[in-house]
C-alpha atoms as a PDB file:
ATOM      1  CA  PHE A   1      -0.089  10.917   1.847  1.00  0.00           C
ATOM      2  CA  VAL A   2       1.475  11.642   5.249  1.00  0.00           C
ATOM      3  CA  CYS A   3       4.370  13.987   6.016  1.00  0.00           C
ATOM      4  CA  PHE A   4       6.494  12.770   8.910  1.00  0.00           C
ATOM      5  CA  PRO A   5       9.039  14.826  10.857  1.00  0.00           C
ATOM      6  CA  GLN A   6      12.574  14.728   9.415  1.00  0.00           C
ATOM      7  CA  LEU A   7      13.989  12.336  12.010  1.00  0.00           C
ATOM      8  CA  ARG A   8      11.697   9.364  11.557  1.00  0.00           C
ATOM      9  CA  SER A   9      12.036   5.946   9.957  1.00  0.00           C
ATOM     10  CA  LEU A  10       9.447   3.356   8.993  1.00  0.00           C
ATOM     11  CA  ALA A  11       9.701  -0.369   9.641  1.00  0.00           C
ATOM     12  CA  GLU A  12       8.009  -3.719   9.147  1.00  0.00           C
ATOM     13  CA  PRO A  13       5.437  -5.012   9.741  1.00  0.00           C
ATOM     14  CA  ILE A  14       3.524  -3.132   7.065  1.00  0.00           C
ATOM     15  CA  ASN A  15      -0.120  -4.097   6.582  1.00  0.00           C
ATOM     16  CA  VAL A  16      -1.974  -3.067   3.432  1.00  0.00           C
ATOM     17  CA  VAL A  17      -5.635  -3.775   2.666  1.00  0.00           C
ATOM     18  CA  ALA A  18      -7.204  -2.931  -0.704  1.00  0.00           C
ATOM     19  CA  THR A  19     -10.829  -3.466  -1.731  1.00  0.00           C
ATOM     20  CA  ALA A  20     -12.179  -3.023  -5.256  1.00  0.00           C
ATOM     21  CA  ARG A  21     -15.089  -0.574  -5.554  1.00  0.00           C
ATOM     22  CA  SER A  22     -17.283  -2.070  -8.243  1.00  0.00           C
ATOM     23  CA  THR A  23     -20.563  -3.883  -8.804  1.00  0.00           C
ATOM     24  CA  THR A  24     -18.571  -6.278 -11.020  1.00  0.00           C
ATOM     25  CA  PRO A  25     -16.365  -8.780  -9.150  1.00  0.00           C
ATOM     26  CA  PHE A  26     -12.656  -7.924  -9.172  1.00  0.00           C
ATOM     27  CA  PHE A  27      -9.725  -9.195  -7.148  1.00  0.00           C
ATOM     28  CA  VAL A  28      -6.956  -6.886  -5.946  1.00  0.00           C
ATOM     29  CA  THR A  29      -3.599  -7.790  -4.430  1.00  0.00           C
ATOM     30  CA  THR A  30      -0.842  -5.561  -3.129  1.00  0.00           C
ATOM     31  CA  THR A  31       2.901  -5.514  -2.672  1.00  0.00           C
ATOM     32  CA  HIS A  32       4.859  -3.024  -0.610  1.00  0.00           C
ATOM     33  CA  ALA A  33       8.447  -1.924  -0.097  1.00  0.00           C
ATOM     34  CA  LEU A  34      10.288   0.469   2.188  1.00  0.00           C
ATOM     35  CA  ILE A  35      12.065   3.063   0.029  1.00  0.00           C
ATOM     36  CA  ASN A  36      14.217   6.184   0.474  1.00  0.00           C
ATOM     37  CA  ASN A  37      16.247   4.645   3.313  1.00  0.00           C
ATOM     38  CA  GLY A  38      13.113   3.591   5.191  1.00  0.00           C
ATOM     39  CA  THR A  39      11.418   6.988   5.158  1.00  0.00           C
ATOM     40  CA  ASP A  40       8.613   6.075   2.733  1.00  0.00           C
ATOM     41  CA  VAL A  41       6.470   3.112   1.674  1.00  0.00           C
ATOM     42  CA  GLN A  42       5.787   2.235  -1.957  1.00  0.00           C
ATOM     43  CA  ILE A  43       2.549   0.303  -2.504  1.00  0.00           C
ATOM     44  CA  THR A  44       1.731  -1.440  -5.787  1.00  0.00           C
ATOM     45  CA  VAL A  45      -1.801  -2.698  -6.476  1.00  0.00           C
ATOM     46  CA  PHE A  46      -2.738  -5.334  -9.068  1.00  0.00           C
ATOM     47  CA  ALA A  47      -6.315  -6.095 -10.194  1.00  0.00           C
ATOM     48  CA  TRP A  48      -7.887  -9.082 -11.979  1.00  0.00           C
ATOM     49  CA  ASP A  49     -11.378  -9.840 -13.185  1.00  0.00           C
ATOM     50  CA  ALA A  50     -13.291 -12.987 -12.171  1.00  0.00           C
ATOM     51  CA  LYS A  51     -11.723 -14.954 -15.067  1.00  0.00           C
ATOM     52  CA  GLY A  52      -8.163 -14.061 -14.028  1.00  0.00           C
ATOM     53  CA  ALA A  53      -7.463 -11.481 -16.736  1.00  0.00           C
ATOM     54  CA  ALA A  54      -5.638  -8.294 -15.793  1.00  0.00           C
ATOM     55  CA  ALA A  55      -8.123  -5.503 -15.060  1.00  0.00           C
ATOM     56  CA  PRO A  56      -6.793  -1.975 -15.606  1.00  0.00           C
ATOM     57  CA  ASN A  57      -8.411   1.142 -14.137  1.00  0.00           C
ATOM     58  CA  VAL A  58     -10.162  -0.599 -11.235  1.00  0.00           C
ATOM     59  CA  THR A  59     -11.146   1.874  -8.524  1.00  0.00           C
ATOM     60  CA  PHE A  60     -10.253   0.708  -5.017  1.00  0.00           C
ATOM     61  CA  ASP A  61     -10.148   1.801  -1.390  1.00  0.00           C
ATOM     62  CA  TRP A  62      -6.989   1.102   0.573  1.00  0.00           C
ATOM     63  CA  ARG A  63      -5.551   1.356   4.049  1.00  0.00           C
ATOM     64  CA  CYS A  64      -1.971   0.994   5.226  1.00  0.00           C
ATOM     65  CA  ARG A  65      -0.592   0.559   8.726  1.00  0.00           C
ATOM     66  CA  VAL A  66       3.154   0.870   9.270  1.00  0.00           C
ATOM     67  CA  VAL A  67       5.498   1.094  12.250  1.00  0.00           C
ATOM     68  CA  SER A  68       6.982   4.567  12.704  1.00  0.00           C
ATOM     69  CA  ASN A  69      10.219   4.881  14.692  1.00  0.00           C
ATOM     70  CA  GLN A  70      11.474   8.196  15.993  1.00  0.00           C
ATOM     71  CA  ILE A  71      15.224   8.664  15.583  1.00  0.00           C
ATOM     72  CA  ILE A  72      16.898  10.181  18.635  1.00  0.00           C
ATOM     73  CA  LEU A  73      20.269  11.811  18.037  1.00  0.00           C
END
């Protein structure tokens, strides 16, 4: 969680990396969206087991890099 100054907007490209933390093989994928008029990023993570079944409660590490634009009035 990051708090930006009031006059700032976020922009594409947004890069998200997620890695499952488990001794059992899992796959994780992510989607992202700019929300709140471009002032926040929403990240959704999905996980599957090795057979392709949905895998709830998978622990994962993640990192996000996003462009931050300062708004000059």
